[in-house]
Amino acid sequence: MTSSKPFQRADVVKHPAPFKQSPKHRFFVVLSDSTHPFHGEEYAVAALTSKERPEAIKLDASDWRFGGPSGDSYASPWYVFTIKHADIVNAQGSLTERATDRIANETATFLGL
């Protein structure tokens, strides 16, 4: 069930995976903050995965403020889009500001900024 309270930058949320036929979910880290248009209704996010890829950012236990997966976790800074608050299934935890900034900066690099 989705929280009625807006999610914040660094929160990790579970949301339906785009482009999947079956109802599959994936975790995303919220990169946007309250200055994002429609904050509380939509969030700019980057995907998290358990698969290591050459360009992925490894997340260690120290990168989590609270929550987190039981195994390895990686951020995919090339896998970004906007998700709707109403479609979020639940929260997984929250990353540190340092880890979130690292993901956001790498995302900006992929966007040529």
N, C-alpha and C. Protein backbone atom coordinates (compact mmCIF):
# COMPACT_ATOMS: atom_id res chain seq x y z
N MET A 1 0.83 -1.17 0.00
CA MET A 1 0.00 0.00 0.00
C MET A 1 0.88 1.24 0.00
N THR A 2 0.56 2.19 -0.84
CA THR A 2 1.34 3.41 -0.97
C THR A 2 1.09 4.34 0.22
N SER A 3 2.15 4.95 0.69
CA SER A 3 2.05 5.93 1.75
C SER A 3 1.35 7.17 1.23
N SER A 4 0.56 7.82 2.07
CA SER A 4 -0.06 9.08 1.66
C SER A 4 0.94 10.22 1.78
N LYS A 5 1.99 10.02 2.55
CA LYS A 5 3.04 11.01 2.74
C LYS A 5 3.99 10.98 1.54
N PRO A 6 4.40 12.15 1.04
CA PRO A 6 5.35 12.15 -0.10
C PRO A 6 6.66 11.46 0.26
N PHE A 7 7.23 10.76 -0.71
CA PHE A 7 8.56 10.19 -0.54
C PHE A 7 9.57 11.30 -0.76
N GLN A 8 10.77 11.11 -0.21
CA GLN A 8 11.81 12.14 -0.26
C GLN A 8 13.01 11.63 -1.06
N ARG A 9 13.85 12.56 -1.46
CA ARG A 9 15.10 12.21 -2.13
C ARG A 9 15.84 11.19 -1.27
N ALA A 10 16.37 10.15 -1.89
CA ALA A 10 17.13 9.06 -1.26
C ALA A 10 16.26 7.90 -0.81
N ASP A 11 14.93 8.07 -0.75
CA ASP A 11 14.06 6.95 -0.40
C ASP A 11 14.12 5.89 -1.50
N VAL A 12 14.08 4.64 -1.10
CA VAL A 12 14.06 3.53 -2.04
C VAL A 12 12.67 2.92 -1.98
N VAL A 13 12.02 2.87 -3.15
CA VAL A 13 10.63 2.42 -3.23
C VAL A 13 10.48 1.27 -4.22
N LYS A 14 9.43 0.49 -4.00
CA LYS A 14 9.10 -0.63 -4.88
C LYS A 14 7.96 -0.19 -5.80
N HIS A 15 8.16 -0.39 -7.11
CA HIS A 15 7.23 0.12 -8.12
C HIS A 15 7.16 -0.91 -9.25
N PRO A 16 6.03 -1.01 -9.94
CA PRO A 16 5.98 -1.92 -11.09
C PRO A 16 7.08 -1.62 -12.10
N ALA A 17 7.72 -2.66 -12.60
CA ALA A 17 8.78 -2.50 -13.59
C ALA A 17 8.17 -2.17 -14.94
N PRO A 18 8.68 -1.14 -15.60
CA PRO A 18 8.14 -0.81 -16.92
C PRO A 18 8.58 -1.86 -17.94
N PHE A 19 7.82 -1.96 -18.99
CA PHE A 19 8.15 -2.82 -20.13
C PHE A 19 8.13 -4.31 -19.81
N LYS A 20 7.48 -4.70 -18.72
CA LYS A 20 7.37 -6.12 -18.36
C LYS A 20 5.93 -6.57 -18.58
N GLN A 21 5.76 -7.78 -19.13
CA GLN A 21 4.43 -8.31 -19.40
C GLN A 21 3.72 -8.73 -18.11
N SER A 22 4.41 -9.43 -17.25
CA SER A 22 3.79 -9.90 -16.02
C SER A 22 3.93 -8.81 -14.94
N PRO A 23 3.12 -8.88 -13.91
CA PRO A 23 3.26 -7.87 -12.84
C PRO A 23 4.55 -8.10 -12.05
N LYS A 24 5.61 -7.49 -12.50
CA LYS A 24 6.91 -7.61 -11.84
C LYS A 24 7.26 -6.25 -11.26
N HIS A 25 7.92 -6.25 -10.12
CA HIS A 25 8.29 -5.01 -9.47
C HIS A 25 9.81 -4.90 -9.36
N ARG A 26 10.26 -3.66 -9.21
CA ARG A 26 11.68 -3.40 -9.02
C ARG A 26 11.81 -2.25 -8.05
N PHE A 27 13.00 -2.12 -7.49
CA PHE A 27 13.26 -1.03 -6.56
C PHE A 27 13.91 0.13 -7.29
N PHE A 28 13.56 1.34 -6.86
CA PHE A 28 14.07 2.58 -7.43
C PHE A 28 14.46 3.52 -6.30
N VAL A 29 15.52 4.30 -6.52
CA VAL A 29 15.89 5.34 -5.57
C VAL A 29 15.35 6.67 -6.11
N VAL A 30 14.71 7.42 -5.23
CA VAL A 30 14.18 8.73 -5.60
C VAL A 30 15.34 9.72 -5.67
N LEU A 31 15.52 10.33 -6.85
CA LEU A 31 16.58 11.31 -7.05
C LEU A 31 16.07 12.74 -6.95
N SER A 32 14.79 12.94 -7.21
CA SER A 32 14.22 14.28 -7.16
C SER A 32 13.93 14.70 -5.73
N ASP A 33 13.71 16.00 -5.56
CA ASP A 33 13.35 16.52 -4.24
C ASP A 33 12.09 17.37 -4.37
N SER A 34 11.79 18.16 -3.37
CA SER A 34 10.54 18.92 -3.37
C SER A 34 10.48 20.01 -4.44
N THR A 35 11.60 20.31 -5.11
CA THR A 35 11.58 21.29 -6.20
C THR A 35 11.12 20.67 -7.52
N HIS A 36 11.03 19.34 -7.57
CA HIS A 36 10.58 18.63 -8.78
C HIS A 36 9.10 18.95 -9.02
N PRO A 37 8.72 19.26 -10.27
CA PRO A 37 7.30 19.49 -10.55
C PRO A 37 6.46 18.29 -10.12
N PHE A 38 5.36 18.56 -9.48
CA PHE A 38 4.41 17.53 -9.03
C PHE A 38 4.99 16.64 -7.94
N HIS A 39 5.92 17.17 -7.14
CA HIS A 39 6.48 16.40 -6.03
C HIS A 39 5.33 15.87 -5.16
N GLY A 40 5.44 14.62 -4.79
CA GLY A 40 4.39 13.96 -4.03
C GLY A 40 3.43 13.19 -4.91
N GLU A 41 3.39 13.56 -6.19
CA GLU A 41 2.59 12.82 -7.18
C GLU A 41 3.49 12.02 -8.12
N GLU A 42 4.67 12.58 -8.41
CA GLU A 42 5.63 11.94 -9.32
C GLU A 42 7.05 12.14 -8.77
N TYR A 43 7.93 11.21 -9.12
CA TYR A 43 9.32 11.27 -8.67
C TYR A 43 10.25 10.87 -9.81
N ALA A 44 11.37 11.57 -9.95
CA ALA A 44 12.43 11.15 -10.86
C ALA A 44 13.27 10.12 -10.11
N VAL A 45 13.49 8.96 -10.73
CA VAL A 45 14.14 7.84 -10.04
C VAL A 45 15.20 7.18 -10.92
N ALA A 46 16.06 6.40 -10.26
CA ALA A 46 17.00 5.51 -10.93
C ALA A 46 16.75 4.10 -10.39
N ALA A 47 16.90 3.12 -11.26
CA ALA A 47 16.63 1.73 -10.88
C ALA A 47 17.76 1.15 -10.03
N LEU A 48 17.37 0.24 -9.14
CA LEU A 48 18.31 -0.56 -8.37
C LEU A 48 18.16 -2.01 -8.82
N THR A 49 19.23 -2.76 -8.73
CA THR A 49 19.23 -4.15 -9.16
C THR A 49 20.20 -4.96 -8.32
N SER A 50 20.06 -6.26 -8.38
CA SER A 50 21.03 -7.14 -7.70
C SER A 50 22.10 -7.62 -8.67
N LYS A 51 21.99 -7.24 -9.95
CA LYS A 51 22.95 -7.67 -10.97
C LYS A 51 24.07 -6.65 -11.13
N GLU A 52 25.28 -7.16 -11.04
CA GLU A 52 26.44 -6.30 -11.24
C GLU A 52 26.67 -6.09 -12.73
N ARG A 53 26.81 -4.84 -13.11
CA ARG A 53 27.12 -4.48 -14.50
C ARG A 53 28.29 -3.51 -14.47
N PRO A 54 29.08 -3.46 -15.55
CA PRO A 54 30.28 -2.61 -15.54
C PRO A 54 30.02 -1.15 -15.15
N GLU A 55 28.91 -0.57 -15.58
CA GLU A 55 28.64 0.85 -15.32
C GLU A 55 27.83 1.08 -14.05
N ALA A 56 27.44 0.01 -13.37
CA ALA A 56 26.58 0.13 -12.19
C ALA A 56 27.37 0.64 -10.98
N ILE A 57 26.65 1.24 -10.05
CA ILE A 57 27.25 1.75 -8.82
C ILE A 57 26.92 0.78 -7.70
N LYS A 58 27.92 0.16 -7.13
CA LYS A 58 27.72 -0.81 -6.04
C LYS A 58 27.32 -0.05 -4.78
N LEU A 59 26.28 -0.56 -4.13
CA LEU A 59 25.82 0.02 -2.87
C LEU A 59 26.19 -0.92 -1.74
N ASP A 60 27.00 -0.42 -0.82
CA ASP A 60 27.42 -1.18 0.36
C ASP A 60 26.48 -0.88 1.52
N ALA A 61 26.61 -1.64 2.60
CA ALA A 61 25.79 -1.42 3.79
C ALA A 61 25.91 0.02 4.30
N SER A 62 27.10 0.62 4.15
CA SER A 62 27.30 1.99 4.63
C SER A 62 26.57 3.03 3.78
N ASP A 63 26.08 2.64 2.60
CA ASP A 63 25.33 3.55 1.73
C ASP A 63 23.85 3.65 2.11
N TRP A 64 23.43 2.80 3.03
CA TRP A 64 22.02 2.79 3.46
C TRP A 64 21.87 3.49 4.80
N ARG A 65 20.94 4.46 4.87
CA ARG A 65 20.61 5.08 6.17
C ARG A 65 19.80 4.09 6.99
N PHE A 66 18.86 3.38 6.33
CA PHE A 66 18.10 2.31 6.96
C PHE A 66 17.49 1.45 5.86
N GLY A 67 17.07 0.25 6.24
CA GLY A 67 16.52 -0.68 5.26
C GLY A 67 17.63 -1.28 4.42
N GLY A 68 17.28 -1.72 3.24
CA GLY A 68 18.26 -2.27 2.33
C GLY A 68 18.02 -3.74 2.06
N PRO A 69 18.61 -4.24 0.99
CA PRO A 69 18.41 -5.63 0.59
C PRO A 69 19.25 -6.58 1.43
N SER A 70 18.93 -7.85 1.34
CA SER A 70 19.70 -8.85 2.08
C SER A 70 20.98 -9.23 1.34
N GLY A 71 21.05 -8.92 0.04
CA GLY A 71 22.24 -9.25 -0.75
C GLY A 71 22.83 -8.02 -1.41
N ASP A 72 23.61 -8.25 -2.45
CA ASP A 72 24.25 -7.15 -3.17
C ASP A 72 23.21 -6.27 -3.86
N SER A 73 23.55 -4.99 -3.96
CA SER A 73 22.66 -4.04 -4.59
C SER A 73 23.49 -3.05 -5.41
N TYR A 74 22.97 -2.70 -6.59
CA TYR A 74 23.65 -1.79 -7.51
C TYR A 74 22.64 -0.79 -8.05
N ALA A 75 23.09 0.44 -8.25
CA ALA A 75 22.27 1.46 -8.89
C ALA A 75 22.61 1.49 -10.37
N SER A 76 21.60 1.66 -11.20
CA SER A 76 21.76 1.74 -12.65
C SER A 76 21.48 3.18 -13.09
N PRO A 77 22.50 4.03 -13.13
CA PRO A 77 22.28 5.46 -13.39
C PRO A 77 21.82 5.77 -14.83
N TRP A 78 21.82 4.80 -15.70
CA TRP A 78 21.31 4.99 -17.07
C TRP A 78 19.83 4.63 -17.16
N TYR A 79 19.29 4.01 -16.14
CA TYR A 79 17.90 3.52 -16.13
C TYR A 79 17.09 4.49 -15.28
N VAL A 80 16.70 5.62 -15.86
CA VAL A 80 16.00 6.67 -15.14
C VAL A 80 14.68 7.02 -15.83
N PHE A 81 13.72 7.39 -15.03
CA PHE A 81 12.44 7.88 -15.55
C PHE A 81 11.61 8.42 -14.40
N THR A 82 10.37 8.74 -14.66
CA THR A 82 9.47 9.28 -13.65
C THR A 82 8.44 8.22 -13.28
N ILE A 83 8.20 8.04 -11.98
CA ILE A 83 7.18 7.11 -11.51
C ILE A 83 6.08 7.88 -10.79
N LYS A 84 4.91 7.28 -10.72
CA LYS A 84 3.75 7.88 -10.06
C LYS A 84 3.68 7.40 -8.61
N HIS A 85 3.38 8.31 -7.72
CA HIS A 85 3.24 7.99 -6.30
C HIS A 85 2.19 6.89 -6.10
N ALA A 86 1.08 7.00 -6.80
CA ALA A 86 -0.03 6.05 -6.62
C ALA A 86 0.34 4.62 -7.00
N ASP A 87 1.38 4.43 -7.81
CA ASP A 87 1.79 3.10 -8.26
C ASP A 87 2.86 2.47 -7.38
N ILE A 88 3.38 3.21 -6.41
CA ILE A 88 4.40 2.67 -5.53
C ILE A 88 3.76 1.67 -4.58
N VAL A 89 4.38 0.48 -4.49
CA VAL A 89 3.85 -0.59 -3.66
C VAL A 89 4.23 -0.38 -2.19
N ASN A 90 5.50 -0.10 -1.92
CA ASN A 90 5.95 0.18 -0.57
C ASN A 90 7.37 0.74 -0.60
N ALA A 91 7.89 1.06 0.54
CA ALA A 91 9.26 1.57 0.66
C ALA A 91 10.18 0.44 1.11
N GLN A 92 11.44 0.52 0.69
CA GLN A 92 12.44 -0.48 1.04
C GLN A 92 13.41 0.06 2.08
N GLY A 93 13.60 1.37 2.07
CA GLY A 93 14.57 1.98 2.96
C GLY A 93 14.97 3.34 2.43
N SER A 94 16.17 3.77 2.78
CA SER A 94 16.66 5.07 2.32
C SER A 94 18.18 5.03 2.24
N LEU A 95 18.71 5.65 1.20
CA LEU A 95 20.16 5.73 1.02
C LEU A 95 20.69 6.98 1.71
N THR A 96 21.99 7.03 1.91
CA THR A 96 22.62 8.22 2.45
C THR A 96 22.62 9.31 1.39
N GLU A 97 22.81 10.54 1.84
CA GLU A 97 22.90 11.67 0.91
C GLU A 97 24.09 11.48 -0.02
N ARG A 98 25.20 11.00 0.52
CA ARG A 98 26.41 10.78 -0.29
C ARG A 98 26.16 9.78 -1.42
N ALA A 99 25.52 8.66 -1.10
CA ALA A 99 25.23 7.65 -2.11
C ALA A 99 24.24 8.18 -3.15
N THR A 100 23.23 8.90 -2.70
CA THR A 100 22.24 9.46 -3.62
C THR A 100 22.88 10.48 -4.55
N ASP A 101 23.73 11.34 -4.01
CA ASP A 101 24.43 12.32 -4.84
C ASP A 101 25.32 11.62 -5.87
N ARG A 102 25.97 10.55 -5.47
CA ARG A 102 26.84 9.79 -6.39
C ARG A 102 26.01 9.25 -7.56
N ILE A 103 24.85 8.69 -7.27
CA ILE A 103 23.97 8.15 -8.31
C ILE A 103 23.47 9.28 -9.20
N ALA A 104 23.03 10.40 -8.60
CA ALA A 104 22.51 11.53 -9.37
C ALA A 104 23.60 12.12 -10.27
N ASN A 105 24.80 12.25 -9.76
CA ASN A 105 25.90 12.80 -10.57
C ASN A 105 26.24 11.88 -11.73
N GLU A 106 26.24 10.59 -11.49
CA GLU A 106 26.51 9.63 -12.57
C GLU A 106 25.38 9.65 -13.59
N THR A 107 24.15 9.80 -13.14
CA THR A 107 23.01 9.92 -14.04
C THR A 107 23.18 11.14 -14.93
N ALA A 108 23.58 12.26 -14.35
CA ALA A 108 23.81 13.48 -15.13
C ALA A 108 24.88 13.25 -16.19
N THR A 109 25.91 12.48 -15.87
CA THR A 109 26.96 12.16 -16.84
C THR A 109 26.38 11.39 -18.02
N PHE A 110 25.51 10.41 -17.73
CA PHE A 110 24.88 9.63 -18.81
C PHE A 110 23.99 10.52 -19.68
N LEU A 111 23.46 11.59 -19.11
CA LEU A 111 22.60 12.50 -19.86
C LEU A 111 23.41 13.60 -20.56
N GLY A 112 24.72 13.55 -20.41
CA GLY A 112 25.59 14.52 -21.08
C GLY A 112 25.64 15.87 -20.39
N LEU A 113 25.34 15.89 -19.10
CA LEU A 113 25.35 17.15 -18.37
C LEU A 113 26.66 17.36 -17.63
